[in-house]
Amino acid sequence: MQELNQSLGARRDLWHKDYIKAAQNNISVTDLKKLASHNHYRVRARVAEHPHTPIQVLYNLALDPHFEVRSALVARDCIPAVIFELLLADECPEVRYELAENPFLELNRLLRLTEDINPYVSERAWRTLNTISHRRKNTVSVAKSVVADKKCMPVNNCSPEEDALKAETAITRKLLAS
């Protein structure tokens, strides 16, 4: 029995090491490709999240049999359109739910998710749209007040509309970061 426990512990340690390796910034593309076919889904999910994973590997991970690997792709800052389309049509509602709660998702894709056959995904997409709308209203009103402030000087001789847009962009980034 003790031997079995040691064997299981050793196997767990092997995938944990690969999991940690897959998160390193200095990992080579060759190693990322190798780890993308790891037998443990958590390692593959970590590769899916890595910013230097090649697009072809991301595409293969979007077709991974484990939903957590596909869900991990949603956490990326940049997802190619073809992969977005695969994830939007994913058979697993958990993957689509992850997309539906992403406030950075393009509005047309978020609107598609409001019509999802799964009521949880649809409701989540509506809630995300509501949040985005609320933030945008707050951002626009704050941006207008910033531009209207006499102390606010135009940057590079921009028009008031351009100043408002720049202020809105900066404020939106701050709101979304908080």
Protein backbone atom coordinates (compact mmCIF):
# COMPACT_ATOMS: atom_id res chain seq x y z
CA MET A 1 0.00 0.00 0.00
CA GLN A 2 2.81 2.38 0.88
CA GLU A 3 4.44 1.67 -2.50
CA LEU A 4 1.19 2.52 -4.27
CA ASN A 5 0.93 5.84 -2.40
CA GLN A 6 4.53 6.68 -3.29
CA SER A 7 3.89 5.80 -6.93
CA LEU A 8 0.78 8.01 -7.07
CA GLY A 9 2.65 10.84 -5.37
CA ALA A 10 5.49 10.56 -7.87
CA ARG A 11 3.05 10.71 -10.81
CA ARG A 12 1.34 13.77 -9.33
CA ASP A 13 4.69 15.47 -8.87
CA LEU A 14 5.51 14.85 -12.53
CA TRP A 15 2.51 16.72 -13.86
CA HIS A 16 2.90 19.46 -11.23
CA LYS A 17 6.42 20.13 -12.49
CA ASP A 18 5.17 20.31 -16.07
CA TYR A 19 2.30 22.56 -14.95
CA ILE A 20 4.77 24.98 -13.39
CA LYS A 21 7.06 24.74 -16.42
CA ALA A 22 4.18 25.60 -18.77
CA ALA A 23 3.64 28.90 -16.93
CA GLN A 24 7.22 30.13 -17.20
CA ASN A 25 7.79 33.18 -19.40
CA ASN A 26 11.09 31.87 -20.75
CA ILE A 27 9.75 28.49 -21.89
CA SER A 28 10.60 27.62 -25.48
CA VAL A 29 7.98 27.20 -28.18
CA THR A 30 9.23 23.63 -28.62
CA ASP A 31 8.49 22.88 -24.97
CA LEU A 32 5.06 24.53 -25.23
CA LYS A 33 4.25 22.34 -28.23
CA LYS A 34 5.38 19.26 -26.32
CA LEU A 35 3.39 20.17 -23.20
CA ALA A 36 0.29 20.87 -25.32
CA SER A 37 -0.08 17.12 -25.77
CA HIS A 38 0.56 16.29 -22.09
CA ASN A 39 -1.63 13.55 -20.66
CA HIS A 40 -2.89 15.78 -17.82
CA TYR A 41 -5.52 18.36 -18.79
CA ARG A 42 -4.27 20.96 -16.30
CA VAL A 43 -0.90 21.13 -18.04
CA ARG A 44 -2.63 21.54 -21.41
CA ALA A 45 -4.85 24.26 -19.92
CA ARG A 46 -1.77 26.08 -18.68
CA VAL A 47 -0.30 25.94 -22.20
CA ALA A 48 -3.59 27.34 -23.54
CA GLU A 49 -3.21 30.35 -21.22
CA HIS A 50 0.44 31.01 -22.10
CA PRO A 51 0.92 34.20 -24.16
CA HIS A 52 3.63 32.68 -26.39
CA THR A 53 1.73 29.57 -27.44
CA PRO A 54 1.68 29.40 -31.26
CA ILE A 55 -1.67 29.81 -33.03
CA GLN A 56 -1.65 26.27 -34.46
CA VAL A 57 -1.21 24.86 -30.95
CA LEU A 58 -4.04 27.11 -29.70
CA TYR A 59 -6.25 25.80 -32.49
CA ASN A 60 -5.50 22.20 -31.47
CA LEU A 61 -6.21 23.06 -27.82
CA ALA A 62 -9.56 24.57 -28.87
CA LEU A 63 -10.44 21.05 -30.03
CA ASP A 64 -9.17 19.39 -26.83
CA PRO A 65 -11.52 16.77 -25.35
CA HIS A 66 -11.39 18.34 -21.86
CA PHE A 67 -13.61 21.41 -21.43
CA GLU A 68 -11.23 23.06 -18.93
CA VAL A 69 -8.53 23.21 -21.59
CA ARG A 70 -10.93 24.91 -23.99
CA SER A 71 -12.14 27.24 -21.21
CA ALA A 72 -8.55 28.25 -20.47
CA LEU A 73 -8.33 29.79 -23.94
CA VAL A 74 -10.96 32.34 -22.92
CA ALA A 75 -8.58 33.80 -20.31
CA ARG A 76 -6.10 34.85 -23.00
CA ASP A 77 -5.71 38.53 -23.90
CA CYS A 78 -5.68 37.76 -27.60
CA ILE A 79 -7.64 34.97 -29.26
CA PRO A 80 -7.65 34.51 -33.05
CA ALA A 81 -11.12 34.83 -34.63
CA VAL A 82 -11.17 31.23 -35.86
CA ILE A 83 -10.65 30.00 -32.29
CA PHE A 84 -13.33 32.37 -31.00
CA GLU A 85 -15.76 30.84 -33.45
CA LEU A 86 -14.90 27.33 -32.27
CA LEU A 87 -15.42 28.35 -28.65
CA LEU A 88 -18.71 30.14 -29.39
CA ALA A 89 -20.01 26.92 -30.94
CA ASP A 90 -18.53 24.65 -28.25
CA GLU A 91 -20.79 21.79 -27.18
CA CYS A 92 -19.95 22.39 -23.53
CA PRO A 93 -21.99 25.16 -21.87
CA GLU A 94 -19.18 25.85 -19.38
CA VAL A 95 -16.94 27.03 -22.21
CA ARG A 96 -19.65 29.28 -23.63
CA TYR A 97 -20.41 30.56 -20.11
CA GLU A 98 -16.76 31.58 -19.72
CA LEU A 99 -17.06 33.55 -22.96
CA ALA A 100 -20.36 35.10 -21.85
CA GLU A 101 -18.81 36.58 -18.72
CA ASN A 102 -15.89 38.14 -20.60
CA PRO A 103 -16.47 41.94 -20.73
CA PHE A 104 -13.80 42.29 -23.44
CA LEU A 105 -15.68 40.05 -25.87
CA GLU A 106 -16.83 41.83 -29.02
CA LEU A 107 -20.43 42.95 -28.71
CA ASN A 108 -21.62 40.98 -31.74
CA ARG A 109 -20.26 37.77 -30.21
CA LEU A 110 -21.73 38.60 -26.82
CA LEU A 111 -25.09 39.24 -28.49
CA ARG A 112 -24.89 35.79 -30.11
CA LEU A 113 -24.43 34.30 -26.65
CA THR A 114 -27.60 36.03 -25.41
CA GLU A 115 -29.44 33.65 -27.75
CA ASP A 116 -27.63 30.54 -26.48
CA ILE A 117 -29.75 27.42 -25.99
CA ASN A 118 -28.45 27.12 -22.44
CA PRO A 119 -30.36 29.56 -20.20
CA TYR A 120 -27.37 30.06 -17.88
CA VAL A 121 -25.12 31.08 -20.77
CA SER A 122 -27.79 33.37 -22.19
CA GLU A 123 -28.46 35.03 -18.82
CA ARG A 124 -24.73 35.49 -18.18
CA ALA A 125 -24.30 37.17 -21.56
CA TRP A 126 -27.19 39.53 -20.78
CA ARG A 127 -25.67 40.37 -17.38
CA THR A 128 -22.30 41.08 -18.99
CA LEU A 129 -23.93 43.34 -21.57
CA ASN A 130 -25.73 45.15 -18.75
CA THR A 131 -22.45 45.62 -16.87
CA ILE A 132 -20.72 46.93 -19.99
CA SER A 133 -23.59 49.32 -20.66
CA HIS A 134 -23.57 50.60 -17.08
CA ARG A 135 -19.79 51.13 -17.13
CA ARG A 136 -19.98 52.88 -20.47
CA LYS A 137 -22.66 55.30 -19.21
CA ASN A 138 -20.56 56.10 -16.14
CA THR A 139 -17.43 56.46 -18.26
CA VAL A 140 -19.06 58.82 -20.74
CA SER A 141 -20.45 61.07 -18.00
CA VAL A 142 -17.08 61.19 -16.20
CA ALA A 143 -15.24 61.83 -19.49
CA LYS A 144 -17.59 64.68 -20.37
CA SER A 145 -17.09 66.26 -16.96
CA VAL A 146 -13.30 65.91 -17.28
CA VAL A 147 -13.32 67.59 -20.69
CA ALA A 148 -15.76 70.28 -19.54
CA ASP A 149 -13.45 71.14 -16.64
CA LYS A 150 -11.69 74.44 -17.46
CA LYS A 151 -8.44 73.11 -15.96
CA CYS A 152 -8.35 70.28 -18.49
CA MET A 153 -6.12 71.42 -21.33
CA PRO A 154 -6.42 69.83 -24.78
CA VAL A 155 -3.64 67.40 -25.61
CA ASN A 156 -1.81 68.07 -28.89
CA ASN A 157 -4.46 70.62 -29.91
CA CYS A 158 -7.15 67.95 -30.10
CA SER A 159 -10.79 68.83 -30.53
CA PRO A 160 -13.03 68.50 -27.46
CA GLU A 161 -14.53 65.33 -28.99
CA GLU A 162 -11.08 63.77 -29.36
CA ASP A 163 -10.22 64.80 -25.80
CA ALA A 164 -13.46 63.21 -24.58
CA LEU A 165 -12.63 60.02 -26.46
CA LYS A 166 -9.12 59.88 -24.99
CA ALA A 167 -10.46 60.52 -21.50
CA GLU A 168 -13.19 57.91 -22.01
CA THR A 169 -10.61 55.35 -23.13
CA ALA A 170 -8.37 56.04 -20.14
CA ILE A 171 -11.26 55.92 -17.69
CA THR A 172 -12.65 52.72 -19.25
CA ARG A 173 -9.28 51.05 -18.79
CA LYS A 174 -9.22 52.09 -15.14
CA LEU A 175 -12.80 50.92 -14.54
CA LEU A 176 -12.17 47.55 -16.16
CA ALA A 177 -8.92 47.10 -14.26
CA SER A 178 -10.64 47.64 -10.92
